N, C-alpha and C. Protein backbone atom coordinates (compact mmCIF):
# COMPACT_ATOMS: atom_id res chain seq x y z
N MET A 1 30.18 69.65 -70.43
CA MET A 1 30.70 68.69 -71.39
C MET A 1 31.39 69.41 -72.54
N GLY A 2 30.88 70.56 -72.97
CA GLY A 2 31.48 71.31 -74.05
C GLY A 2 32.87 71.81 -73.72
N GLU A 3 33.07 72.18 -72.44
CA GLU A 3 34.40 72.65 -72.02
C GLU A 3 35.43 71.53 -72.11
N GLN A 4 35.02 70.30 -71.78
CA GLN A 4 35.94 69.17 -71.89
C GLN A 4 36.34 68.94 -73.33
N ARG A 5 35.39 69.05 -74.25
CA ARG A 5 35.70 68.86 -75.67
C ARG A 5 36.65 69.92 -76.15
N GLU A 6 36.42 71.18 -75.72
CA GLU A 6 37.31 72.27 -76.12
C GLU A 6 38.71 72.05 -75.58
N ALA A 7 38.82 71.61 -74.32
CA ALA A 7 40.12 71.35 -73.72
C ALA A 7 40.81 70.20 -74.44
N SER A 8 40.07 69.15 -74.78
CA SER A 8 40.65 68.03 -75.50
C SER A 8 41.12 68.45 -76.88
N ALA A 9 40.33 69.25 -77.55
CA ALA A 9 40.71 69.72 -78.88
C ALA A 9 41.95 70.59 -78.80
N SER A 10 42.03 71.43 -77.76
CA SER A 10 43.19 72.29 -77.58
C SER A 10 44.44 71.46 -77.30
N ALA A 11 44.31 70.45 -76.43
CA ALA A 11 45.45 69.58 -76.12
C ALA A 11 45.89 68.82 -77.36
N ALA A 12 44.95 68.37 -78.15
CA ALA A 12 45.27 67.64 -79.37
C ALA A 12 46.02 68.54 -80.35
N ALA A 13 45.61 69.80 -80.44
CA ALA A 13 46.28 70.74 -81.34
C ALA A 13 47.71 70.99 -80.90
N VAL A 14 47.93 71.12 -79.59
CA VAL A 14 49.28 71.33 -79.07
C VAL A 14 50.13 70.10 -79.35
N ALA A 15 49.59 68.92 -79.10
CA ALA A 15 50.35 67.69 -79.31
C ALA A 15 50.68 67.50 -80.77
N HIS A 16 49.77 67.86 -81.65
CA HIS A 16 50.00 67.68 -83.08
C HIS A 16 51.07 68.64 -83.59
N SER A 17 51.14 69.84 -83.02
CA SER A 17 52.06 70.85 -83.52
C SER A 17 53.46 70.75 -82.92
N SER A 18 53.69 69.81 -82.02
CA SER A 18 55.00 69.67 -81.41
C SER A 18 55.45 68.22 -81.49
N ASN A 19 56.48 67.88 -80.75
CA ASN A 19 56.98 66.51 -80.77
C ASN A 19 56.37 65.66 -79.65
N MET A 20 55.24 66.05 -79.13
CA MET A 20 54.61 65.33 -78.03
C MET A 20 53.94 64.05 -78.53
N GLN A 21 53.98 63.02 -77.67
CA GLN A 21 53.37 61.73 -77.97
C GLN A 21 52.20 61.50 -77.03
N ARG A 22 51.16 60.85 -77.53
CA ARG A 22 50.00 60.52 -76.71
C ARG A 22 50.32 59.24 -75.93
N VAL A 23 50.02 59.24 -74.63
CA VAL A 23 50.33 58.11 -73.76
C VAL A 23 49.17 57.79 -72.84
N LYS A 24 49.13 56.57 -72.34
CA LYS A 24 48.19 56.19 -71.30
C LYS A 24 48.80 56.58 -69.96
N VAL A 25 47.98 57.09 -69.05
CA VAL A 25 48.46 57.55 -67.75
C VAL A 25 47.84 56.68 -66.65
N TYR A 26 48.69 56.13 -65.80
CA TYR A 26 48.26 55.30 -64.67
C TYR A 26 48.88 55.86 -63.40
N ARG A 27 48.18 55.62 -62.28
CA ARG A 27 48.70 56.02 -60.97
C ARG A 27 48.73 54.78 -60.08
N LEU A 28 49.85 54.56 -59.41
CA LEU A 28 50.00 53.41 -58.53
C LEU A 28 49.40 53.75 -57.17
N ARG A 29 48.42 52.94 -56.75
CA ARG A 29 47.78 53.16 -55.45
C ARG A 29 48.61 52.53 -54.34
N ASP A 30 48.27 52.86 -53.10
CA ASP A 30 48.99 52.34 -51.94
C ASP A 30 48.97 50.82 -51.89
N GLY A 31 47.86 50.20 -52.32
CA GLY A 31 47.74 48.75 -52.27
C GLY A 31 48.51 48.04 -53.38
N GLY A 32 49.20 48.77 -54.22
CA GLY A 32 49.98 48.17 -55.29
C GLY A 32 49.20 47.97 -56.57
N LYS A 33 47.97 48.50 -56.63
CA LYS A 33 47.18 48.39 -57.85
C LYS A 33 47.28 49.69 -58.64
N TRP A 34 47.09 49.56 -59.97
CA TRP A 34 47.19 50.71 -60.87
C TRP A 34 45.80 51.27 -61.17
N ASP A 35 45.64 52.60 -61.09
CA ASP A 35 44.42 53.30 -61.48
C ASP A 35 44.63 53.93 -62.85
N ASP A 36 43.73 53.64 -63.77
CA ASP A 36 43.77 54.23 -65.12
C ASP A 36 43.32 55.68 -65.01
N GLN A 37 44.19 56.61 -65.38
CA GLN A 37 43.89 58.03 -65.31
C GLN A 37 43.52 58.63 -66.66
N GLY A 38 43.46 57.80 -67.69
CA GLY A 38 43.09 58.30 -69.01
C GLY A 38 44.30 58.44 -69.91
N THR A 39 44.25 59.42 -70.79
CA THR A 39 45.37 59.66 -71.70
C THR A 39 45.97 61.03 -71.46
N GLY A 40 47.20 61.18 -71.85
CA GLY A 40 47.89 62.46 -71.72
C GLY A 40 48.91 62.57 -72.83
N HIS A 41 49.73 63.59 -72.75
CA HIS A 41 50.77 63.81 -73.75
C HIS A 41 52.11 64.00 -73.05
N VAL A 42 53.15 63.51 -73.69
CA VAL A 42 54.49 63.61 -73.12
C VAL A 42 55.48 63.94 -74.24
N ALA A 43 56.47 64.70 -73.89
CA ALA A 43 57.57 64.99 -74.82
C ALA A 43 58.86 64.61 -74.11
N VAL A 44 59.78 64.04 -74.84
CA VAL A 44 61.06 63.63 -74.28
C VAL A 44 62.15 64.32 -75.07
N ASP A 45 63.03 64.99 -74.36
CA ASP A 45 64.20 65.62 -74.96
C ASP A 45 65.45 64.98 -74.40
N TYR A 46 66.34 64.55 -75.29
CA TYR A 46 67.61 63.96 -74.88
C TYR A 46 68.62 65.08 -74.70
N ILE A 47 69.21 65.13 -73.52
CA ILE A 47 70.23 66.14 -73.23
C ILE A 47 71.51 65.42 -72.83
N GLU A 48 72.53 65.56 -73.65
CA GLU A 48 73.80 64.91 -73.35
C GLU A 48 74.59 65.78 -72.39
N VAL A 49 75.12 65.15 -71.34
CA VAL A 49 75.91 65.91 -70.35
C VAL A 49 77.33 65.40 -70.28
């Protein structure tokens, strides 16, 4: 359990120090239902081409 807390604290520190946003993560199953996978972090960069 302590390792999970350390990993969460580390992820939170990374997200706080960058432009990452906290998001809910879901996975679509074969039957068309969504599985809640918890929370994660995402960063979006706009690149004009």
